[in-house]
Structure formats: structure tokens, C-alpha cells
Amino acid sequence: MHEAVHGFVAHRLGDDTAWLLGRVTFNPLKHVDPFGTILMPAFLLLMHAPFLFGYAKPVPVNFGALHNPRRDMVLVAAAGPAINIALAIVAALLFHVVAYLPPSAAAWVAQNLKNALIINVILAVFNMLPLPPLDGGRVAVGLLPDFLAKPLARLEPYGMMILLTMLLFLPVLGAQMGVDLNVVSRLITGPTEAILRTILRLTGNDLA
């Protein structure tokens, strides 16, 4: 849904690239990236890594075809995290249905709703980190003045390598040195917890 919504918003704002490629769909097979969706998570699983990380095939966007490229780039990029927050809110609202389910199903449904809530919020916060090609990087490029936006935009070809270094290499190096170098975790933990508390409060769920 995250990738499909990127393509849908781009389509509505003038760029049909993803639409014509059949990427504006909720069919997950259309968004599978061989490395990011299959090989990397499988490798981390086999290595007994403390976390799993993966990604879908990014939806192609021709920013030059958008009606207002700079403004619309922000809207297209923000649409992905926005749908994750919307899905988290739906999951939180569905907690109220669990009490009406048979006991044999209630625990299973509750656990899956909890997973949906937490994972969607983590995905939204993670994707809003201000590093291209993450959504937050593109939002930052669209909002910042040119003297800051242009150097940030030039990081995009190296963004995934920087991200993987922060996610995989630094924590392992820190563990060897006895220092916590899990930078990404520290960056996303606070905002994730704050958003989770807000969603639970707004949806009338017990924060205890």
C-alpha cells in the first residue's frame, strides 16, 4: 500500500509513470525487489540478526512531469508514510472489535493488530528520516531552501549505502567496541513511541 499510494498520488498530480507500469496496485508481487524484499531479509534471518530489514521496489516517479515539481514531490513522498499512519489508526480502532470475538480467535487477532499498529508506525517514522532516497529526504529537499536542498539531493545515489552502513555496520562495530552505535534506533524510538501513544489515546485505547 505504501508504494501503491506513492504511484497513485503521482498519477493524480500529473505523472503516469507508475500507473502505466502497473505499479498503482495493492498486489504485493508488483512491488517485490529481489534483493530488498527477498535476499536481504533472508540473509539477516540466516545470520540470526537482532532485527529484520527489507524494502519494496521503489515506485518510479518522473518529478519533471508533475504539475508543480517541487511542491508535488513533497506530496508524493509524504503519501507513503501517511498511509502507514492511516493503517496504524485502523488497526488501533479494530482493537475495539476484539472483545466481541470468540476467545479462541481474540488473542490471535489482537496480536496481529498490535503488530500492524507498531510496524506501520515504525515504517512511517523510519521513512521520514531526512536522507534521500527515503521519503523524508525527498520531503526535506522539497521544503528546504536551495542552498540546503541541493547538497542533500546530491546524496541520493549514496543514500542506500549510508543507510545500510547505519543499520548493519555501525551496530556490529559498536558491539565489538562496547559502544552503542545503533544510531537509527535512537533516531526513531522517541518519535515512534510518541506517535503510538497519540494514536492509542485518539482511538480510545487503554494506555496502561
C-alpha atoms as a PDB file:
ATOM      1  CA  MET A   1       0.000   0.000   0.000  1.00  0.00           C
ATOM      2  CA  HIS A   2       2.897   2.343   0.790  1.00  0.00           C
ATOM      3  CA  GLU A   3       4.359   2.054  -2.718  1.00  0.00           C
ATOM      4  CA  ALA A   4       0.981   1.978  -4.462  1.00  0.00           C
ATOM      5  CA  VAL A   5      -0.056   5.239  -2.804  1.00  0.00           C
ATOM      6  CA  HIS A   6       3.155   6.939  -3.958  1.00  0.00           C
ATOM      7  CA  GLY A   7       2.219   5.998  -7.519  1.00  0.00           C
ATOM      8  CA  PHE A   8      -1.431   6.986  -7.116  1.00  0.00           C
ATOM      9  CA  VAL A   9      -0.615  10.463  -5.811  1.00  0.00           C
ATOM     10  CA  ALA A  10       1.962  10.946  -8.575  1.00  0.00           C
ATOM     11  CA  HIS A  11      -0.702   9.920 -11.107  1.00  0.00           C
ATOM     12  CA  ARG A  12      -3.168  12.437  -9.689  1.00  0.00           C
ATOM     13  CA  LEU A  13      -0.509  15.157  -9.821  1.00  0.00           C
ATOM     14  CA  GLY A  14       0.466  14.609 -13.448  1.00  0.00           C
ATOM     15  CA  ASP A  15       2.989  11.745 -13.647  1.00  0.00           C
ATOM     16  CA  ASP A  16       1.663   8.486 -15.137  1.00  0.00           C
ATOM     17  CA  THR A  17       4.962   6.557 -14.968  1.00  0.00           C
ATOM     18  CA  ALA A  18       3.963   4.199 -12.159  1.00  0.00           C
ATOM     19  CA  TRP A  19       0.374   3.986 -13.430  1.00  0.00           C
ATOM     20  CA  LEU A  20       1.472   2.797 -16.888  1.00  0.00           C
ATOM     21  CA  LEU A  21       3.868   0.254 -15.349  1.00  0.00           C
ATOM     22  CA  GLY A  22       1.045  -1.299 -13.314  1.00  0.00           C
ATOM     23  CA  ARG A  23       2.581  -0.238 -10.002  1.00  0.00           C
ATOM     24  CA  VAL A  24      -0.549   1.502  -8.690  1.00  0.00           C
ATOM     25  CA  THR A  25      -1.874  -1.738  -7.235  1.00  0.00           C
ATOM     26  CA  PHE A  26      -2.163  -3.461  -3.869  1.00  0.00           C
ATOM     27  CA  ASN A  27      -0.804  -6.682  -5.421  1.00  0.00           C
ATOM     28  CA  PRO A  28       2.424  -7.188  -3.410  1.00  0.00           C
ATOM     29  CA  LEU A  29       4.068  -9.168  -6.227  1.00  0.00           C
ATOM     30  CA  LYS A  30       4.234  -5.993  -8.325  1.00  0.00           C
ATOM     31  CA  HIS A  31       6.395  -4.322  -5.660  1.00  0.00           C
ATOM     32  CA  VAL A  32       8.870  -7.130  -4.889  1.00  0.00           C
ATOM     33  CA  ASP A  33      12.529  -6.166  -5.117  1.00  0.00           C
ATOM     34  CA  PRO A  34      14.671  -9.332  -5.462  1.00  0.00           C
ATOM     35  CA  PHE A  35      17.397  -8.010  -3.178  1.00  0.00           C
ATOM     36  CA  GLY A  36      15.480  -5.793  -0.770  1.00  0.00           C
ATOM     37  CA  THR A  37      12.370  -7.954  -0.351  1.00  0.00           C
ATOM     38  CA  ILE A  38      13.870 -11.460  -0.530  1.00  0.00           C
ATOM     39  CA  LEU A  39      17.656 -11.767  -0.324  1.00  0.00           C
ATOM     40  CA  MET A  40      18.420  -9.205   2.385  1.00  0.00           C
ATOM     41  CA  PRO A  41      15.741 -10.346   4.879  1.00  0.00           C
ATOM     42  CA  ALA A  42      16.676 -13.982   4.196  1.00  0.00           C
ATOM     43  CA  PHE A  43      20.355 -13.228   4.839  1.00  0.00           C
ATOM     44  CA  LEU A  44      19.570 -11.405   8.096  1.00  0.00           C
ATOM     45  CA  LEU A  45      17.338 -14.279   9.181  1.00  0.00           C
ATOM     46  CA  LEU A  46      20.045 -16.862   8.444  1.00  0.00           C
ATOM     47  CA  MET A  47      22.620 -14.769  10.293  1.00  0.00           C
ATOM     48  CA  HIS A  48      20.317 -14.571  13.358  1.00  0.00           C
ATOM     49  CA  ALA A  49      20.442 -10.773  13.201  1.00  0.00           C
ATOM     50  CA  PRO A  50      18.663  -8.969  16.075  1.00  0.00           C
ATOM     51  CA  PHE A  51      16.301  -7.348  13.551  1.00  0.00           C
ATOM     52  CA  LEU A  52      14.969  -7.863  10.040  1.00  0.00           C
ATOM     53  CA  PHE A  53      15.208  -5.153   7.391  1.00  0.00           C
ATOM     54  CA  GLY A  54      13.925  -5.060   3.854  1.00  0.00           C
ATOM     55  CA  TYR A  55      12.286  -2.832   1.321  1.00  0.00           C
ATOM     56  CA  ALA A  56       9.972  -2.929  -1.670  1.00  0.00           C
ATOM     57  CA  LYS A  57      10.893  -1.893  -5.200  1.00  0.00           C
ATOM     58  CA  PRO A  58      10.598   1.908  -5.239  1.00  0.00           C
ATOM     59  CA  VAL A  59       7.824   3.299  -7.413  1.00  0.00           C
ATOM     60  CA  PRO A  60       9.350   5.279 -10.301  1.00  0.00           C
ATOM     61  CA  VAL A  61       8.348   8.935 -10.363  1.00  0.00           C
ATOM     62  CA  ASN A  62       9.200  11.441 -13.095  1.00  0.00           C
ATOM     63  CA  PHE A  63       9.234  14.580 -10.974  1.00  0.00           C
ATOM     64  CA  GLY A  64       9.528  16.741 -14.087  1.00  0.00           C
ATOM     65  CA  ALA A  65       6.077  15.578 -15.214  1.00  0.00           C
ATOM     66  CA  LEU A  66       4.369  16.742 -12.025  1.00  0.00           C
ATOM     67  CA  HIS A  67       2.258  19.880 -12.219  1.00  0.00           C
ATOM     68  CA  ASN A  68       4.385  21.685  -9.636  1.00  0.00           C
ATOM     69  CA  PRO A  69       7.540  19.537  -9.311  1.00  0.00           C
ATOM     70  CA  ARG A  70       8.905  20.909  -6.050  1.00  0.00           C
ATOM     71  CA  ARG A  71       5.603  21.038  -4.174  1.00  0.00           C
ATOM     72  CA  ASP A  72       4.261  17.810  -5.668  1.00  0.00           C
ATOM     73  CA  MET A  73       7.481  15.924  -4.878  1.00  0.00           C
ATOM     74  CA  VAL A  74       6.741  16.610  -1.205  1.00  0.00           C
ATOM     75  CA  LEU A  75       3.152  15.368  -1.561  1.00  0.00           C
ATOM     76  CA  VAL A  76       4.174  12.200  -3.431  1.00  0.00           C
ATOM     77  CA  ALA A  77       6.900  11.401  -0.890  1.00  0.00           C
ATOM     78  CA  ALA A  78       4.710  12.113   2.153  1.00  0.00           C
ATOM     79  CA  ALA A  79       1.882   9.923   0.839  1.00  0.00           C
ATOM     80  CA  GLY A  80       3.716   6.693   1.736  1.00  0.00           C
ATOM     81  CA  PRO A  81       4.280   7.432   5.435  1.00  0.00           C
ATOM     82  CA  ALA A  82       0.791   8.952   5.585  1.00  0.00           C
ATOM     83  CA  ILE A  83      -0.832   5.673   4.501  1.00  0.00           C
ATOM     84  CA  ASN A  84       1.229   3.818   7.134  1.00  0.00           C
ATOM     85  CA  ILE A  85      -0.141   6.149   9.826  1.00  0.00           C
ATOM     86  CA  ALA A  86      -3.668   5.658   8.458  1.00  0.00           C
ATOM     87  CA  LEU A  87      -3.235   1.869   8.596  1.00  0.00           C
ATOM     88  CA  ALA A  88      -1.941   2.129  12.162  1.00  0.00           C
ATOM     89  CA  ILE A  89      -5.034   4.115  13.152  1.00  0.00           C
ATOM     90  CA  VAL A  90      -7.309   1.498  11.528  1.00  0.00           C
ATOM     91  CA  ALA A  91      -5.505  -1.255  13.438  1.00  0.00           C
ATOM     92  CA  ALA A  92      -5.927   0.652  16.702  1.00  0.00           C
ATOM     93  CA  LEU A  93      -9.649   1.197  16.040  1.00  0.00           C
ATOM     94  CA  LEU A  94     -10.115  -2.515  15.339  1.00  0.00           C
ATOM     95  CA  PHE A  95      -8.873  -3.307  18.859  1.00  0.00           C
ATOM     96  CA  HIS A  96     -12.418  -2.451  19.965  1.00  0.00           C
ATOM     97  CA  VAL A  97     -13.746  -5.406  17.938  1.00  0.00           C
ATOM     98  CA  VAL A  98     -11.552  -7.971  19.696  1.00  0.00           C
ATOM     99  CA  ALA A  99     -13.834  -8.142  22.744  1.00  0.00           C
ATOM    100  CA  TYR A 100     -16.681  -9.434  20.537  1.00  0.00           C
ATOM    101  CA  LEU A 101     -14.654 -12.295  19.053  1.00  0.00           C
ATOM    102  CA  PRO A 102     -14.603 -15.904  20.320  1.00  0.00           C
ATOM    103  CA  PRO A 103     -11.809 -16.379  22.885  1.00  0.00           C
ATOM    104  CA  SER A 104     -10.052 -18.814  20.559  1.00  0.00           C
ATOM    105  CA  ALA A 105      -9.634 -16.078  17.932  1.00  0.00           C
ATOM    106  CA  ALA A 106      -9.384 -12.965  20.107  1.00  0.00           C
ATOM    107  CA  ALA A 107      -5.749 -13.399  21.210  1.00  0.00           C
ATOM    108  CA  TRP A 108      -4.556 -14.110  17.658  1.00  0.00           C
ATOM    109  CA  VAL A 109      -6.407 -11.114  16.206  1.00  0.00           C
ATOM    110  CA  ALA A 110      -5.206  -8.825  19.000  1.00  0.00           C
ATOM    111  CA  GLN A 111      -1.573  -9.837  18.441  1.00  0.00           C
ATOM    112  CA  ASN A 112      -1.829  -9.210  14.700  1.00  0.00           C
ATOM    113  CA  LEU A 113      -3.485  -5.842  15.222  1.00  0.00           C
ATOM    114  CA  LYS A 114      -0.713  -4.923  17.662  1.00  0.00           C
ATOM    115  CA  ASN A 115       1.874  -5.936  15.062  1.00  0.00           C
ATOM    116  CA  ALA A 116       0.088  -3.910  12.375  1.00  0.00           C
ATOM    117  CA  LEU A 117      -0.053  -0.871  14.645  1.00  0.00           C
ATOM    118  CA  ILE A 118       3.611  -0.963  15.676  1.00  0.00           C
ATOM    119  CA  ILE A 119       5.087  -1.936  12.298  1.00  0.00           C
ATOM    120  CA  ASN A 120       3.166   0.737  10.404  1.00  0.00           C
ATOM    121  CA  VAL A 121       4.258   3.466  12.807  1.00  0.00           C
ATOM    122  CA  ILE A 122       7.879   2.300  12.647  1.00  0.00           C
ATOM    123  CA  LEU A 123       7.716   2.287   8.840  1.00  0.00           C
ATOM    124  CA  ALA A 124       6.288   5.808   8.791  1.00  0.00           C
ATOM    125  CA  VAL A 125       8.906   7.206  11.156  1.00  0.00           C
ATOM    126  CA  PHE A 126      11.791   5.350   9.504  1.00  0.00           C
ATOM    127  CA  ASN A 127      10.771   6.517   6.033  1.00  0.00           C
ATOM    128  CA  MET A 128      10.627  10.113   7.232  1.00  0.00           C
ATOM    129  CA  LEU A 129      14.319  10.170   8.163  1.00  0.00           C
ATOM    130  CA  PRO A 130      15.712  13.119   6.154  1.00  0.00           C
ATOM    131  CA  LEU A 131      18.022  11.081   3.929  1.00  0.00           C
ATOM    132  CA  PRO A 132      17.340  10.570   0.208  1.00  0.00           C
ATOM    133  CA  PRO A 133      16.106   8.217  -1.193  1.00  0.00           C
ATOM    134  CA  LEU A 134      13.882   7.801   1.874  1.00  0.00           C
ATOM    135  CA  ASP A 135      10.616   9.730   1.729  1.00  0.00           C
ATOM    136  CA  GLY A 136      11.779  12.119   4.435  1.00  0.00           C
ATOM    137  CA  GLY A 137      14.804  13.024   2.330  1.00  0.00           C
ATOM    138  CA  ARG A 138      12.604  13.969  -0.614  1.00  0.00           C
ATOM    139  CA  VAL A 139      10.278  15.925   1.648  1.00  0.00           C
ATOM    140  CA  ALA A 140      13.283  17.796   3.043  1.00  0.00           C
ATOM    141  CA  VAL A 141      14.630  18.521  -0.457  1.00  0.00           C
ATOM    142  CA  GLY A 142      11.245  19.950  -1.434  1.00  0.00           C
ATOM    143  CA  LEU A 143      10.905  22.134   1.661  1.00  0.00           C
ATOM    144  CA  LEU A 144      14.443  23.346   2.333  1.00  0.00           C
ATOM    145  CA  PRO A 145      15.941  26.427   0.649  1.00  0.00           C
ATOM    146  CA  ASP A 146      18.118  25.680  -2.379  1.00  0.00           C
ATOM    147  CA  PHE A 147      21.451  26.092  -0.618  1.00  0.00           C
ATOM    148  CA  LEU A 148      20.495  23.222   1.709  1.00  0.00           C
ATOM    149  CA  ALA A 149      18.263  21.230  -0.651  1.00  0.00           C
ATOM    150  CA  LYS A 150      20.823  20.820  -3.448  1.00  0.00           C
ATOM    151  CA  PRO A 151      23.603  19.232  -1.332  1.00  0.00           C
ATOM    152  CA  LEU A 152      21.035  16.942   0.297  1.00  0.00           C
ATOM    153  CA  ALA A 153      19.640  15.895  -3.092  1.00  0.00           C
ATOM    154  CA  ARG A 154      23.156  15.024  -4.279  1.00  0.00           C
ATOM    155  CA  LEU A 155      23.335  12.379  -1.525  1.00  0.00           C
ATOM    156  CA  GLU A 156      20.594  10.286  -3.153  1.00  0.00           C
ATOM    157  CA  PRO A 157      22.912   7.941  -5.143  1.00  0.00           C
ATOM    158  CA  TYR A 158      24.725   7.140  -1.892  1.00  0.00           C
ATOM    159  CA  GLY A 159      21.719   7.232   0.433  1.00  0.00           C
ATOM    160  CA  MET A 160      21.030   3.495   0.499  1.00  0.00           C
ATOM    161  CA  MET A 161      24.690   2.719   1.203  1.00  0.00           C
ATOM    162  CA  ILE A 162      24.719   5.294   4.023  1.00  0.00           C
ATOM    163  CA  LEU A 163      21.525   3.790   5.407  1.00  0.00           C
ATOM    164  CA  LEU A 164      22.779   0.215   5.274  1.00  0.00           C
ATOM    165  CA  THR A 165      26.005   1.295   6.991  1.00  0.00           C
ATOM    166  CA  MET A 166      23.990   2.908   9.780  1.00  0.00           C
ATOM    167  CA  LEU A 167      21.674  -0.103  10.083  1.00  0.00           C
ATOM    168  CA  LEU A 168      24.074  -3.006   9.712  1.00  0.00           C
ATOM    169  CA  PHE A 169      27.711  -1.989  10.060  1.00  0.00           C
ATOM    170  CA  LEU A 170      27.669   0.575  12.882  1.00  0.00           C
ATOM    171  CA  PRO A 171      25.712  -1.582  15.403  1.00  0.00           C
ATOM    172  CA  VAL A 172      28.064  -4.534  14.794  1.00  0.00           C
ATOM    173  CA  LEU A 173      31.125  -2.283  15.112  1.00  0.00           C
ATOM    174  CA  GLY A 174      29.698  -0.729  18.268  1.00  0.00           C
ATOM    175  CA  ALA A 175      29.068  -4.164  19.783  1.00  0.00           C
ATOM    176  CA  GLN A 176      32.726  -5.056  19.187  1.00  0.00           C
ATOM    177  CA  MET A 177      33.854  -1.793  20.816  1.00  0.00           C
ATOM    178  CA  GLY A 178      31.352  -1.905  23.677  1.00  0.00           C
ATOM    179  CA  VAL A 179      29.676   1.272  22.446  1.00  0.00           C
ATOM    180  CA  ASP A 180      26.066   1.739  21.346  1.00  0.00           C
ATOM    181  CA  LEU A 181      26.300   2.891  17.723  1.00  0.00           C
ATOM    182  CA  ASN A 182      22.717   1.992  16.810  1.00  0.00           C
ATOM    183  CA  VAL A 183      22.026   5.495  15.517  1.00  0.00           C
ATOM    184  CA  VAL A 184      18.871   4.649  13.576  1.00  0.00           C
ATOM    185  CA  SER A 185      17.234   3.035  16.585  1.00  0.00           C
ATOM    186  CA  ARG A 186      17.898   6.109  18.720  1.00  0.00           C
ATOM    187  CA  LEU A 187      16.531   8.399  15.998  1.00  0.00           C
ATOM    188  CA  ILE A 188      13.249   6.559  15.540  1.00  0.00           C
ATOM    189  CA  THR A 189      12.451   5.263  19.047  1.00  0.00           C
ATOM    190  CA  GLY A 190      11.272   8.561  20.549  1.00  0.00           C
ATOM    191  CA  PRO A 191       9.017   9.643  17.650  1.00  0.00           C
ATOM    192  CA  THR A 192       7.646   6.100  17.289  1.00  0.00           C
ATOM    193  CA  GLU A 193       6.656   5.900  20.956  1.00  0.00           C
ATOM    194  CA  ALA A 194       5.103   9.378  20.859  1.00  0.00           C
ATOM    195  CA  ILE A 195       3.013   8.563  17.779  1.00  0.00           C
ATOM    196  CA  LEU A 196       1.901   5.215  19.226  1.00  0.00           C
ATOM    197  CA  ARG A 197       0.753   6.919  22.434  1.00  0.00           C
ATOM    198  CA  THR A 198      -1.123   9.556  20.422  1.00  0.00           C
ATOM    199  CA  ILE A 199      -2.880   7.006  18.222  1.00  0.00           C
ATOM    200  CA  LEU A 200      -3.901   4.880  21.201  1.00  0.00           C
ATOM    201  CA  ARG A 201      -5.217   7.930  23.014  1.00  0.00           C
ATOM    202  CA  LEU A 202      -7.154   9.221  19.993  1.00  0.00           C
ATOM    203  CA  THR A 203      -8.701   5.801  19.317  1.00  0.00           C
ATOM    204  CA  GLY A 204      -9.820   5.359  22.924  1.00  0.00           C
ATOM    205  CA  ASN A 205      -7.493   2.517  23.807  1.00  0.00           C
ATOM    206  CA  ASP A 206      -6.172   1.964  27.318  1.00  0.00           C
ATOM    207  CA  LEU A 207      -2.605   3.288  27.530  1.00  0.00           C
ATOM    208  CA  ALA A 208      -1.888   1.124  30.566  1.00  0.00           C
END
